[in-house]
C-alpha atoms as a PDB file:
ATOM      1  CA  UNK A   1      -0.044   0.064  -0.219  1.00  0.00           C
ATOM      2  CA  UNK A   2       1.042   4.253  -0.471  1.00  0.00           C
ATOM      3  CA  UNK A   3       0.513   6.191   1.987  1.00  0.00           C
ATOM      4  CA  UNK A   4      -0.498   9.868   1.050  1.00  0.00           C
ATOM      5  CA  UNK A   5      -0.333  12.633   3.120  1.00  0.00           C
ATOM      6  CA  UNK A   6      -2.001  16.179   2.257  1.00  0.00           C
ATOM      7  CA  UNK A   7      -0.831  19.553   3.191  1.00  0.00           C
ATOM      8  CA  UNK A   8      -1.218  23.190   2.239  1.00  0.00           C
ATOM      9  CA  UNK A   9      -5.138  23.577   3.108  1.00  0.00           C
ATOM     10  CA  UNK A  10      -5.784  26.679   5.103  1.00  0.00           C
ATOM     11  CA  UNK A  11      -8.201  29.750   5.335  1.00  0.00           C
ATOM     12  CA  UNK A  12      -7.928  32.005   2.201  1.00  0.00           C
ATOM     13  CA  UNK A  13     -10.006  35.345   0.891  1.00  0.00           C
ATOM     14  CA  UNK A  14     -11.895  34.925  -2.408  1.00  0.00           C
ATOM     15  CA  UNK A  15      -9.715  35.374  -5.058  1.00  0.00           C
ATOM     16  CA  UNK A  16      -7.169  34.168  -3.115  1.00  0.00           C
ATOM     17  CA  UNK A  17      -4.597  31.126  -3.917  1.00  0.00           C
ATOM     18  CA  UNK A  18      -3.160  28.276  -2.098  1.00  0.00           C
ATOM     19  CA  UNK A  19      -1.161  25.107  -3.263  1.00  0.00           C
ATOM     20  CA  UNK A  20      -2.150  21.296  -1.787  1.00  0.00           C
ATOM     21  CA  UNK A  21       0.533  18.969  -1.784  1.00  0.00           C
ATOM     22  CA  UNK A  22       0.125  15.092  -1.709  1.00  0.00           C
ATOM     23  CA  UNK A  23       3.353  13.491  -0.567  1.00  0.00           C
ATOM     24  CA  UNK A  24       3.174   9.596  -1.411  1.00  0.00           C
ATOM     25  CA  UNK A  25       5.533   7.017   0.274  1.00  0.00           C
ATOM     26  CA  UNK A  26       7.122   5.096  -2.909  1.00  0.00           C
ATOM     27  CA  UNK A  27       7.848   6.418  -6.367  1.00  0.00           C
ATOM     28  CA  UNK A  28       4.851   7.326  -8.165  1.00  0.00           C
ATOM     29  CA  UNK A  29       6.277   7.560 -11.563  1.00  0.00           C
ATOM     30  CA  UNK A  30       4.539   4.494 -12.682  1.00  0.00           C
ATOM     31  CA  UNK A  31       1.322   4.654 -10.819  1.00  0.00           C
ATOM     32  CA  UNK A  32      -1.473   5.195 -13.649  1.00  0.00           C
ATOM     33  CA  UNK A  33      -3.196   8.290 -12.245  1.00  0.00           C
ATOM     34  CA  UNK A  34      -3.292  10.427  -9.488  1.00  0.00           C
ATOM     35  CA  UNK A  35      -5.988  12.869  -8.675  1.00  0.00           C
ATOM     36  CA  UNK A  36      -7.406  15.234  -6.152  1.00  0.00           C
ATOM     37  CA  UNK A  37     -11.126  15.086  -4.844  1.00  0.00           C
ATOM     38  CA  UNK A  38     -13.362  17.474  -2.684  1.00  0.00           C
ATOM     39  CA  UNK A  39     -16.198  16.748  -0.139  1.00  0.00           C
ATOM     40  CA  UNK A  40     -18.167  19.592   0.789  1.00  0.00           C
ATOM     41  CA  UNK A  41     -20.381  19.408   4.093  1.00  0.00           C
ATOM     42  CA  UNK A  42     -23.594  17.555   2.875  1.00  0.00           C
ATOM     43  CA  UNK A  43     -22.386  16.680  -0.302  1.00  0.00           C
ATOM     44  CA  UNK A  44     -20.489  13.807  -2.116  1.00  0.00           C
ATOM     45  CA  UNK A  45     -17.094  13.464  -3.073  1.00  0.00           C
ATOM     46  CA  UNK A  46     -16.322  14.972  -6.326  1.00  0.00           C
ATOM     47  CA  UNK A  47     -13.396  14.418  -8.809  1.00  0.00           C
ATOM     48  CA  UNK A  48     -11.734  17.825  -8.942  1.00  0.00           C
ATOM     49  CA  UNK A  49      -8.411  17.161 -11.399  1.00  0.00           C
ATOM     50  CA  UNK A  50      -6.395  14.044 -12.226  1.00  0.00           C
ATOM     51  CA  UNK A  51      -3.212  13.273 -13.726  1.00  0.00           C
ATOM     52  CA  UNK A  52      -2.173  10.573 -15.507  1.00  0.00           C
ATOM     53  CA  UNK A  53       1.691   8.764 -15.547  1.00  0.00           C
ATOM     54  CA  UNK A  54       2.146  10.256 -18.763  1.00  0.00           C
ATOM     55  CA  UNK A  55       0.911  13.501 -17.382  1.00  0.00           C
ATOM     56  CA  UNK A  56      -2.400  13.991 -19.412  1.00  0.00           C
ATOM     57  CA  UNK A  57      -4.664  15.725 -16.976  1.00  0.00           C
ATOM     58  CA  UNK A  58      -8.757  16.380 -16.798  1.00  0.00           C
ATOM     59  CA  UNK A  59     -10.448  19.042 -14.582  1.00  0.00           C
ATOM     60  CA  UNK A  60     -14.072  19.379 -13.281  1.00  0.00           C
ATOM     61  CA  UNK A  61     -15.644  22.251 -15.182  1.00  0.00           C
ATOM     62  CA  UNK A  62     -16.132  24.465 -12.067  1.00  0.00           C
ATOM     63  CA  UNK A  63     -12.046  24.193 -11.993  1.00  0.00           C
ATOM     64  CA  UNK A  64     -10.906  24.329 -15.420  1.00  0.00           C
ATOM     65  CA  UNK A  65      -8.758  27.482 -15.846  1.00  0.00           C
ATOM     66  CA  UNK A  66      -8.122  28.019 -12.162  1.00  0.00           C
ATOM     67  CA  UNK A  67      -6.708  24.659 -10.633  1.00  0.00           C
ATOM     68  CA  UNK A  68      -3.637  22.937 -12.229  1.00  0.00           C
ATOM     69  CA  UNK A  69      -2.229  19.840 -11.329  1.00  0.00           C
ATOM     70  CA  UNK A  70       0.854  18.617 -11.078  1.00  0.00           C
ATOM     71  CA  UNK A  71       3.581  15.841 -10.641  1.00  0.00           C
ATOM     72  CA  UNK A  72       6.870  15.760  -9.405  1.00  0.00           C
ATOM     73  CA  UNK A  73       7.981  12.151  -9.819  1.00  0.00           C
ATOM     74  CA  UNK A  74      11.428  12.838  -8.067  1.00  0.00           C
ATOM     75  CA  UNK A  75       9.822  13.990  -4.842  1.00  0.00           C
ATOM     76  CA  UNK A  76       6.946  11.597  -5.077  1.00  0.00           C
ATOM     77  CA  UNK A  77       4.447  14.492  -4.653  1.00  0.00           C
ATOM     78  CA  UNK A  78       1.449  15.812  -6.573  1.00  0.00           C
ATOM     79  CA  UNK A  79       0.573  19.565  -6.750  1.00  0.00           C
ATOM     80  CA  UNK A  80      -3.146  21.063  -7.065  1.00  0.00           C
ATOM     81  CA  UNK A  81      -2.655  24.863  -7.461  1.00  0.00           C
ATOM     82  CA  UNK A  82      -5.576  26.829  -6.816  1.00  0.00           C
ATOM     83  CA  UNK A  83      -6.167  30.171  -8.406  1.00  0.00           C
ATOM     84  CA  UNK A  84      -8.757  32.582  -7.997  1.00  0.00           C
ATOM     85  CA  UNK A  85     -10.367  30.798  -4.913  1.00  0.00           C
ATOM     86  CA  UNK A  86     -14.313  31.231  -4.637  1.00  0.00           C
ATOM     87  CA  UNK A  87     -16.502  30.226  -1.506  1.00  0.00           C
ATOM     88  CA  UNK A  88     -17.718  27.294  -3.215  1.00  0.00           C
ATOM     89  CA  UNK A  89     -14.309  25.835  -3.695  1.00  0.00           C
ATOM     90  CA  UNK A  90     -14.264  25.250   0.517  1.00  0.00           C
ATOM     91  CA  UNK A  91     -14.338  21.575   0.928  1.00  0.00           C
ATOM     92  CA  UNK A  92     -11.924  18.734   2.157  1.00  0.00           C
ATOM     93  CA  UNK A  93      -9.715  17.971  -0.514  1.00  0.00           C
ATOM     94  CA  UNK A  94      -8.045  14.787  -0.771  1.00  0.00           C
ATOM     95  CA  UNK A  95      -5.530  13.273  -2.619  1.00  0.00           C
ATOM     96  CA  UNK A  96      -6.011   9.791  -4.433  1.00  0.00           C
ATOM     97  CA  UNK A  97      -3.515   6.875  -5.773  1.00  0.00           C
ATOM     98  CA  UNK A  98      -4.771   4.419  -8.161  1.00  0.00           C
ATOM     99  CA  UNK A  99      -3.120   1.385  -9.540  1.00  0.00           C
ATOM    100  CA  UNK A 100      -4.692  -1.687 -11.272  1.00  0.00           C
ATOM    101  CA  UNK A 101      -4.774  -3.521  -7.941  1.00  0.00           C
ATOM    102  CA  UNK A 102      -5.729  -0.845  -5.275  1.00  0.00           C
ATOM    103  CA  UNK A 103      -6.863   2.939  -4.779  1.00  0.00           C
ATOM    104  CA  UNK A 104      -5.194   4.935  -1.816  1.00  0.00           C
ATOM    105  CA  UNK A 105      -6.549   7.983  -0.056  1.00  0.00           C
ATOM    106  CA  UNK A 106      -4.790  10.460   2.105  1.00  0.00           C
ATOM    107  CA  UNK A 107      -6.431  12.224   5.305  1.00  0.00           C
ATOM    108  CA  UNK A 108      -7.816  15.183   3.760  1.00  0.00           C
ATOM    109  CA  UNK A 109      -6.546  18.674   4.041  1.00  0.00           C
ATOM    110  CA  UNK A 110      -9.576  21.143   4.722  1.00  0.00           C
ATOM    111  CA  UNK A 111      -9.659  24.411   2.149  1.00  0.00           C
ATOM    112  CA  UNK A 112     -12.135  27.228   3.538  1.00  0.00           C
ATOM    113  CA  UNK A 113     -12.167  30.529   1.397  1.00  0.00           C
ATOM    114  CA  UNK A 114     -13.903  33.335   3.099  1.00  0.00           C
ATOM    115  CA  UNK A 115     -13.897  36.642   3.887  1.00  0.00           C
END
């Protein structure tokens, strides 16, 4: 199994930026896909962004143009750069790693966007 640890969440004002990090306990260079999900209170967990081993990316329509997912294989880390944050971005953000055999989740990091 792979341990994932998210960091970088916090409180920001609307229009602000945050960068989330997800550190994996093993190499991620051969991992098929890693992604960021979020879950707001009372809502289902939703996909925010995903990046493949070939660095292909996909984004939810609600964040496209504002968020950028990237990976640093040398650091075993995936990032989510969040710009122009909106109150509706408030949620717990989770890192996900997916292989053919299993899926791993981090513990989540809280992002709150409020003035």
